[in-house]
Amino acid sequence: MSHTSSDAASALTLERLPAVKARTGLSRTEIYRKIANGQFPAPVKLGERASAWSAAEVDGWIRERLAIRKAVHS
């Protein structure tokens, strides 16, 4: 797998919930349900009332979904 500059940037990028929802198509409730079940990356605590997700971890979760789809349809 080749790494691009965008891969390097996402490795150090944190995304807030609205961005994660938009990228995954999941609702807030479903994201937290999947976190509780160990099926989605946990957020990073930024402060007392703020959290964000590693863009690289969300990218990995999306890649897994695409790989599963490809395997099922192969």
PDB file of N, CA and C in Angstrom:
ATOM      1  N   MET A   1       0.849  -1.179   0.000  1.00  0.00           N
ATOM      2  CA  MET A   1       0.000   0.000   0.000  1.00  0.00           C
ATOM      3  C   MET A   1       0.889   1.234   0.000  1.00  0.00           C
ATOM      4  N   SER A   2       0.615   2.182  -0.857  1.00  0.00           N
ATOM      5  CA  SER A   2       1.412   3.395  -0.885  1.00  0.00           C
ATOM      6  C   SER A   2       0.785   4.438   0.028  1.00  0.00           C
ATOM      7  N   HIS A   3       1.639   5.234   0.628  1.00  0.00           N
ATOM      8  CA  HIS A   3       1.169   6.293   1.517  1.00  0.00           C
ATOM      9  C   HIS A   3       1.323   7.621   0.804  1.00  0.00           C
ATOM     10  N   THR A   4       0.300   8.421   0.867  1.00  0.00           N
ATOM     11  CA  THR A   4       0.351   9.745   0.269  1.00  0.00           C
ATOM     12  C   THR A   4       0.443  10.777   1.370  1.00  0.00           C
ATOM     13  N   SER A   5       0.628  12.008   0.972  1.00  0.00           N
ATOM     14  CA  SER A   5       0.701  13.062   1.980  1.00  0.00           C
ATOM     15  C   SER A   5      -0.612  13.174   2.741  1.00  0.00           C
ATOM     16  N   SER A   6      -1.742  12.857   2.096  1.00  0.00           N
ATOM     17  CA  SER A   6      -3.023  12.908   2.806  1.00  0.00           C
ATOM     18  C   SER A   6      -3.100  11.814   3.863  1.00  0.00           C
ATOM     19  N   ASP A   7      -2.465  10.644   3.609  1.00  0.00           N
ATOM     20  CA  ASP A   7      -2.402   9.590   4.623  1.00  0.00           C
ATOM     21  C   ASP A   7      -1.642  10.082   5.843  1.00  0.00           C
ATOM     22  N   ALA A   8      -0.526  10.751   5.606  1.00  0.00           N
ATOM     23  CA  ALA A   8       0.284  11.273   6.711  1.00  0.00           C
ATOM     24  C   ALA A   8      -0.488  12.332   7.482  1.00  0.00           C
ATOM     25  N   ALA A   9      -1.212  13.176   6.780  1.00  0.00           N
ATOM     26  CA  ALA A   9      -1.989  14.225   7.445  1.00  0.00           C
ATOM     27  C   ALA A   9      -3.104  13.631   8.280  1.00  0.00           C
ATOM     28  N   SER A  10      -3.790  12.605   7.765  1.00  0.00           N
ATOM     29  CA  SER A  10      -4.895  12.027   8.523  1.00  0.00           C
ATOM     30  C   SER A  10      -4.396  11.296   9.762  1.00  0.00           C
ATOM     31  N   ALA A  11      -3.149  10.848   9.753  1.00  0.00           N
ATOM     32  CA  ALA A  11      -2.590  10.159  10.916  1.00  0.00           C
ATOM     33  C   ALA A  11      -2.538  11.084  12.123  1.00  0.00           C
ATOM     34  N   LEU A  12      -2.452  12.371  11.886  1.00  0.00           N
ATOM     35  CA  LEU A  12      -2.344  13.329  12.983  1.00  0.00           C
ATOM     36  C   LEU A  12      -3.559  14.240  13.095  1.00  0.00           C
ATOM     37  N   THR A  13      -4.635  13.887  12.433  1.00  0.00           N
ATOM     38  CA  THR A  13      -5.834  14.726  12.426  1.00  0.00           C
ATOM     39  C   THR A  13      -6.893  14.155  13.357  1.00  0.00           C
ATOM     40  N   LEU A  14      -7.505  15.036  14.116  1.00  0.00           N
ATOM     41  CA  LEU A  14      -8.636  14.664  14.961  1.00  0.00           C
ATOM     42  C   LEU A  14      -9.888  15.293  14.380  1.00  0.00           C
ATOM     43  N   GLU A  15     -10.957  14.517  14.354  1.00  0.00           N
ATOM     44  CA  GLU A  15     -12.221  14.986  13.798  1.00  0.00           C
ATOM     45  C   GLU A  15     -13.298  14.964  14.870  1.00  0.00           C
ATOM     46  N   ARG A  16     -14.086  16.019  14.893  1.00  0.00           N
ATOM     47  CA  ARG A  16     -15.198  16.085  15.830  1.00  0.00           C
ATOM     48  C   ARG A  16     -16.374  15.276  15.296  1.00  0.00           C
ATOM     49  N   LEU A  17     -17.360  15.050  16.139  1.00  0.00           N
ATOM     50  CA  LEU A  17     -18.484  14.186  15.830  1.00  0.00           C
ATOM     51  C   LEU A  17     -19.216  14.528  14.524  1.00  0.00           C
ATOM     52  N   PRO A  18     -19.520  15.780  14.230  1.00  0.00           N
ATOM     53  CA  PRO A  18     -20.224  16.047  12.968  1.00  0.00           C
ATOM     54  C   PRO A  18     -19.451  15.541  11.735  1.00  0.00           C
ATOM     55  N   ALA A  19     -18.145  15.678  11.742  1.00  0.00           N
ATOM     56  CA  ALA A  19     -17.332  15.197  10.614  1.00  0.00           C
ATOM     57  C   ALA A  19     -17.346  13.673  10.549  1.00  0.00           C
ATOM     58  N   VAL A  20     -17.266  13.019  11.706  1.00  0.00           N
ATOM     59  CA  VAL A  20     -17.286  11.550  11.742  1.00  0.00           C
ATOM     60  C   VAL A  20     -18.637  11.040  11.257  1.00  0.00           C
ATOM     61  N   LYS A  21     -19.702  11.667  11.693  1.00  0.00           N
ATOM     62  CA  LYS A  21     -21.045  11.291  11.230  1.00  0.00           C
ATOM     63  C   LYS A  21     -21.155  11.446   9.723  1.00  0.00           C
ATOM     64  N   ALA A  22     -20.660  12.543   9.194  1.00  0.00           N
ATOM     65  CA  ALA A  22     -20.744  12.794   7.752  1.00  0.00           C
ATOM     66  C   ALA A  22     -19.919  11.777   6.970  1.00  0.00           C
ATOM     67  N   ARG A  23     -18.740  11.436   7.468  1.00  0.00           N
ATOM     68  CA  ARG A  23     -17.867  10.497   6.749  1.00  0.00           C
ATOM     69  C   ARG A  23     -18.384   9.068   6.781  1.00  0.00           C
ATOM     70  N   THR A  24     -19.018   8.679   7.881  1.00  0.00           N
ATOM     71  CA  THR A  24     -19.434   7.282   8.032  1.00  0.00           C
ATOM     72  C   THR A  24     -20.898   7.045   7.667  1.00  0.00           C
ATOM     73  N   GLY A  25     -21.695   8.078   7.708  1.00  0.00           N
ATOM     74  CA  GLY A  25     -23.124   7.915   7.477  1.00  0.00           C
ATOM     75  C   GLY A  25     -23.861   7.377   8.684  1.00  0.00           C
ATOM     76  N   LEU A  26     -23.176   7.298   9.819  1.00  0.00           N
ATOM     77  CA  LEU A  26     -23.779   6.780  11.050  1.00  0.00           C
ATOM     78  C   LEU A  26     -24.325   7.923  11.903  1.00  0.00           C
ATOM     79  N   SER A  27     -25.342   7.627  12.678  1.00  0.00           N
ATOM     80  CA  SER A  27     -25.874   8.603  13.628  1.00  0.00           C
ATOM     81  C   SER A  27     -24.997   8.611  14.879  1.00  0.00           C
ATOM     82  N   ARG A  28     -25.177   9.623  15.697  1.00  0.00           N
ATOM     83  CA  ARG A  28     -24.450   9.708  16.964  1.00  0.00           C
ATOM     84  C   ARG A  28     -24.715   8.459  17.800  1.00  0.00           C
ATOM     85  N   THR A  29     -25.984   8.079  17.884  1.00  0.00           N
ATOM     86  CA  THR A  29     -26.365   6.913  18.683  1.00  0.00           C
ATOM     87  C   THR A  29     -25.668   5.653  18.180  1.00  0.00           C
ATOM     88  N   GLU A  30     -25.652   5.454  16.875  1.00  0.00           N
ATOM     89  CA  GLU A  30     -25.036   4.258  16.309  1.00  0.00           C
ATOM     90  C   GLU A  30     -23.522   4.263  16.504  1.00  0.00           C
ATOM     91  N   ILE A  31     -22.887   5.418  16.395  1.00  0.00           N
ATOM     92  CA  ILE A  31     -21.441   5.504  16.637  1.00  0.00           C
ATOM     93  C   ILE A  31     -21.134   5.059  18.063  1.00  0.00           C
ATOM     94  N   TYR A  32     -21.857   5.593  19.037  1.00  0.00           N
ATOM     95  CA  TYR A  32     -21.587   5.241  20.433  1.00  0.00           C
ATOM     96  C   TYR A  32     -21.980   3.794  20.745  1.00  0.00           C
ATOM     97  N   ARG A  33     -22.992   3.269  20.081  1.00  0.00           N
ATOM     98  CA  ARG A  33     -23.359   1.859  20.247  1.00  0.00           C
ATOM     99  C   ARG A  33     -22.215   0.971  19.738  1.00  0.00           C
ATOM    100  N   LYS A  34     -21.671   1.315  18.587  1.00  0.00           N
ATOM    101  CA  LYS A  34     -20.562   0.538  18.028  1.00  0.00           C
ATOM    102  C   LYS A  34     -19.307   0.656  18.892  1.00  0.00           C
ATOM    103  N   ILE A  35     -19.052   1.807  19.461  1.00  0.00           N
ATOM    104  CA  ILE A  35     -17.913   1.967  20.372  1.00  0.00           C
ATOM    105  C   ILE A  35     -18.085   1.027  21.568  1.00  0.00           C
ATOM    106  N   ALA A  36     -19.279   1.012  22.143  1.00  0.00           N
ATOM    107  CA  ALA A  36     -19.553   0.164  23.310  1.00  0.00           C
ATOM    108  C   ALA A  36     -19.367  -1.311  22.986  1.00  0.00           C
ATOM    109  N   ASN A  37     -19.652  -1.697  21.728  1.00  0.00           N
ATOM    110  CA  ASN A  37     -19.503  -3.091  21.300  1.00  0.00           C
ATOM    111  C   ASN A  37     -18.119  -3.403  20.749  1.00  0.00           C
ATOM    112  N   GLY A  38     -17.219  -2.420  20.780  1.00  0.00           N
ATOM    113  CA  GLY A  38     -15.868  -2.626  20.264  1.00  0.00           C
ATOM    114  C   GLY A  38     -15.805  -2.675  18.746  1.00  0.00           C
ATOM    115  N   GLN A  39     -16.797  -2.096  18.070  1.00  0.00           N
ATOM    116  CA  GLN A  39     -16.872  -2.144  16.611  1.00  0.00           C
ATOM    117  C   GLN A  39     -16.541  -0.820  15.937  1.00  0.00           C
ATOM    118  N   PHE A  40     -16.121   0.168  16.709  1.00  0.00           N
ATOM    119  CA  PHE A  40     -15.775   1.479  16.157  1.00  0.00           C
ATOM    120  C   PHE A  40     -14.721   2.093  17.064  1.00  0.00           C
ATOM    121  N   PRO A  41     -13.794   2.859  16.503  1.00  0.00           N
ATOM    122  CA  PRO A  41     -12.752   3.467  17.335  1.00  0.00           C
ATOM    123  C   PRO A  41     -13.326   4.397  18.410  1.00  0.00           C
ATOM    124  N   ALA A  42     -12.733   4.344  19.566  1.00  0.00           N
ATOM    125  CA  ALA A  42     -13.141   5.233  20.661  1.00  0.00           C
ATOM    126  C   ALA A  42     -12.577   6.635  20.423  1.00  0.00           C
ATOM    127  N   PRO A  43     -13.283   7.639  20.908  1.00  0.00           N
ATOM    128  CA  PRO A  43     -12.782   9.006  20.737  1.00  0.00           C
ATOM    129  C   PRO A  43     -11.625   9.303  21.693  1.00  0.00           C
ATOM    130  N   VAL A  44     -10.908  10.369  21.355  1.00  0.00           N
ATOM    131  CA  VAL A  44      -9.835  10.903  22.189  1.00  0.00           C
ATOM    132  C   VAL A  44     -10.430  12.042  22.990  1.00  0.00           C
ATOM    133  N   LYS A  45     -10.222  12.049  24.285  1.00  0.00           N
ATOM    134  CA  LYS A  45     -10.742  13.115  25.135  1.00  0.00           C
ATOM    135  C   LYS A  45      -9.890  14.367  24.938  1.00  0.00           C
ATOM    136  N   LEU A  46     -10.515  15.469  24.561  1.00  0.00           N
ATOM    137  CA  LEU A  46      -9.803  16.727  24.352  1.00  0.00           C
ATOM    138  C   LEU A  46      -9.884  17.644  25.564  1.00  0.00           C
ATOM    139  N   GLY A  47     -10.900  17.452  26.327  1.00  0.00           N
ATOM    140  CA  GLY A  47     -11.128  18.283  27.498  1.00  0.00           C
ATOM    141  C   GLY A  47     -12.268  17.687  28.281  1.00  0.00           C
ATOM    142  N   GLU A  48     -12.753  18.422  29.245  1.00  0.00           N
ATOM    143  CA  GLU A  48     -13.820  17.925  30.104  1.00  0.00           C
ATOM    144  C   GLU A  48     -15.071  17.540  29.316  1.00  0.00           C
ATOM    145  N   ARG A  49     -15.409  18.342  28.309  1.00  0.00           N
ATOM    146  CA  ARG A  49     -16.638  18.078  27.556  1.00  0.00           C
ATOM    147  C   ARG A  49     -16.420  17.987  26.054  1.00  0.00           C
ATOM    148  N   ALA A  50     -15.205  17.705  25.635  1.00  0.00           N
ATOM    149  CA  ALA A  50     -14.916  17.653  24.195  1.00  0.00           C
ATOM    150  C   ALA A  50     -14.147  16.387  23.852  1.00  0.00           C
ATOM    151  N   SER A  51     -14.576  15.753  22.773  1.00  0.00           N
ATOM    152  CA  SER A  51     -13.910  14.557  22.271  1.00  0.00           C
ATOM    153  C   SER A  51     -13.778  14.664  20.758  1.00  0.00           C
ATOM    154  N   ALA A  52     -12.851  13.895  20.216  1.00  0.00           N
ATOM    155  CA  ALA A  52     -12.665  13.833  18.769  1.00  0.00           C
ATOM    156  C   ALA A  52     -12.121  12.453  18.426  1.00  0.00           C
ATOM    157  N   TRP A  53     -12.201  12.107  17.166  1.00  0.00           N
ATOM    158  CA  TRP A  53     -11.739  10.802  16.706  1.00  0.00           C
ATOM    159  C   TRP A  53     -10.506  10.965  15.843  1.00  0.00           C
ATOM    160  N   SER A  54      -9.621   9.996  15.919  1.00  0.00           N
ATOM    161  CA  SER A  54      -8.466   9.961  15.044  1.00  0.00           C
ATOM    162  C   SER A  54      -8.962   9.720  13.617  1.00  0.00           C
ATOM    163  N   ALA A  55      -8.616  10.616  12.709  1.00  0.00           N
ATOM    164  CA  ALA A  55      -9.023  10.457  11.313  1.00  0.00           C
ATOM    165  C   ALA A  55      -8.448   9.164  10.742  1.00  0.00           C
ATOM    166  N   ALA A  56      -7.239   8.805  11.140  1.00  0.00           N
ATOM    167  CA  ALA A  56      -6.617   7.576  10.648  1.00  0.00           C
ATOM    168  C   ALA A  56      -7.400   6.348  11.105  1.00  0.00           C
ATOM    169  N   GLU A  57      -7.891   6.358  12.341  1.00  0.00           N
ATOM    170  CA  GLU A  57      -8.673   5.228  12.836  1.00  0.00           C
ATOM    171  C   GLU A  57     -10.024   5.146  12.140  1.00  0.00           C
ATOM    172  N   VAL A  58     -10.640   6.285  11.879  1.00  0.00           N
ATOM    173  CA  VAL A  58     -11.910   6.294  11.142  1.00  0.00           C
ATOM    174  C   VAL A  58     -11.651   5.816   9.716  1.00  0.00           C
ATOM    175  N   ASP A  59     -10.550   6.251   9.108  1.00  0.00           N
ATOM    176  CA  ASP A  59     -10.180   5.764   7.769  1.00  0.00           C
ATOM    177  C   ASP A  59     -10.065   4.242   7.778  1.00  0.00           C
ATOM    178  N   GLY A  60      -9.420   3.701   8.802  1.00  0.00           N
ATOM    179  CA  GLY A  60      -9.263   2.251   8.911  1.00  0.00           C
ATOM    180  C   GLY A  60     -10.597   1.543   9.027  1.00  0.00           C
ATOM    181  N   TRP A  61     -11.496   2.097   9.808  1.00  0.00           N
ATOM    182  CA  TRP A  61     -12.836   1.514   9.958  1.00  0.00           C
ATOM    183  C   TRP A  61     -13.563   1.510   8.616  1.00  0.00           C
ATOM    184  N   ILE A  62     -13.458   2.613   7.868  1.00  0.00           N
ATOM    185  CA  ILE A  62     -14.101   2.698   6.558  1.00  0.00           C
ATOM    186  C   ILE A  62     -13.475   1.673   5.611  1.00  0.00           C
ATOM    187  N   ARG A  63     -12.148   1.554   5.614  1.00  0.00           N
ATOM    188  CA  ARG A  63     -11.479   0.561   4.762  1.00  0.00           C
ATOM    189  C   ARG A  63     -11.952  -0.855   5.083  1.00  0.00           C
ATOM    190  N   GLU A  64     -12.142  -1.156   6.373  1.00  0.00           N
ATOM    191  CA  GLU A  64     -12.649  -2.478   6.775  1.00  0.00           C
ATOM    192  C   GLU A  64     -14.040  -2.733   6.202  1.00  0.00           C
ATOM    193  N   ARG A  65     -14.906  -1.728   6.259  1.00  0.00           N
ATOM    194  CA  ARG A  65     -16.259  -1.885   5.707  1.00  0.00           C
ATOM    195  C   ARG A  65     -16.189  -2.180   4.214  1.00  0.00           C
ATOM    196  N   LEU A  66     -15.315  -1.463   3.505  1.00  0.00           N
ATOM    197  CA  LEU A  66     -15.180  -1.671   2.063  1.00  0.00           C
ATOM    198  C   LEU A  66     -14.611  -3.055   1.763  1.00  0.00           C
ATOM    199  N   ALA A  67     -13.669  -3.527   2.571  1.00  0.00           N
ATOM    200  CA  ALA A  67     -13.091  -4.853   2.378  1.00  0.00           C
ATOM    201  C   ALA A  67     -14.143  -5.938   2.612  1.00  0.00           C
ATOM    202  N   ILE A  68     -14.981  -5.743   3.613  1.00  0.00           N
ATOM    203  CA  ILE A  68     -16.052  -6.711   3.894  1.00  0.00           C
ATOM    204  C   ILE A  68     -17.022  -6.751   2.719  1.00  0.00           C
ATOM    205  N   ARG A  69     -17.378  -5.588   2.222  1.00  0.00           N
ATOM    206  CA  ARG A  69     -18.299  -5.535   1.070  1.00  0.00           C
ATOM    207  C   ARG A  69     -17.696  -6.247  -0.130  1.00  0.00           C
ATOM    208  N   LYS A  70     -16.417  -5.994  -0.377  1.00  0.00           N
ATOM    209  CA  LYS A  70     -15.739  -6.617  -1.515  1.00  0.00           C
ATOM    210  C   LYS A  70     -15.706  -8.135  -1.359  1.00  0.00           C
ATOM    211  N   ALA A  71     -15.431  -8.616  -0.141  1.00  0.00           N
ATOM    212  CA  ALA A  71     -15.360 -10.055   0.116  1.00  0.00           C
ATOM    213  C   ALA A  71     -16.723 -10.716  -0.070  1.00  0.00           C
ATOM    214  N   VAL A  72     -17.777 -10.040   0.355  1.00  0.00           N
ATOM    215  CA  VAL A  72     -19.128 -10.588   0.249  1.00  0.00           C
ATOM    216  C   VAL A  72     -19.575 -10.646  -1.210  1.00  0.00           C
ATOM    217  N   HIS A  73     -19.167  -9.670  -1.999  1.00  0.00           N
ATOM    218  CA  HIS A  73     -19.602  -9.596  -3.392  1.00  0.00           C
ATOM    219  C   HIS A  73     -18.625 -10.236  -4.376  1.00  0.00           C
ATOM    220  N   SER A  74     -17.623 -10.906  -3.869  1.00  0.00           N
ATOM    221  CA  SER A  74     -16.641 -11.566  -4.745  1.00  0.00           C
ATOM    222  C   SER A  74     -17.050 -12.986  -5.070  1.00  0.00           C
TER     223      SER A  74
END
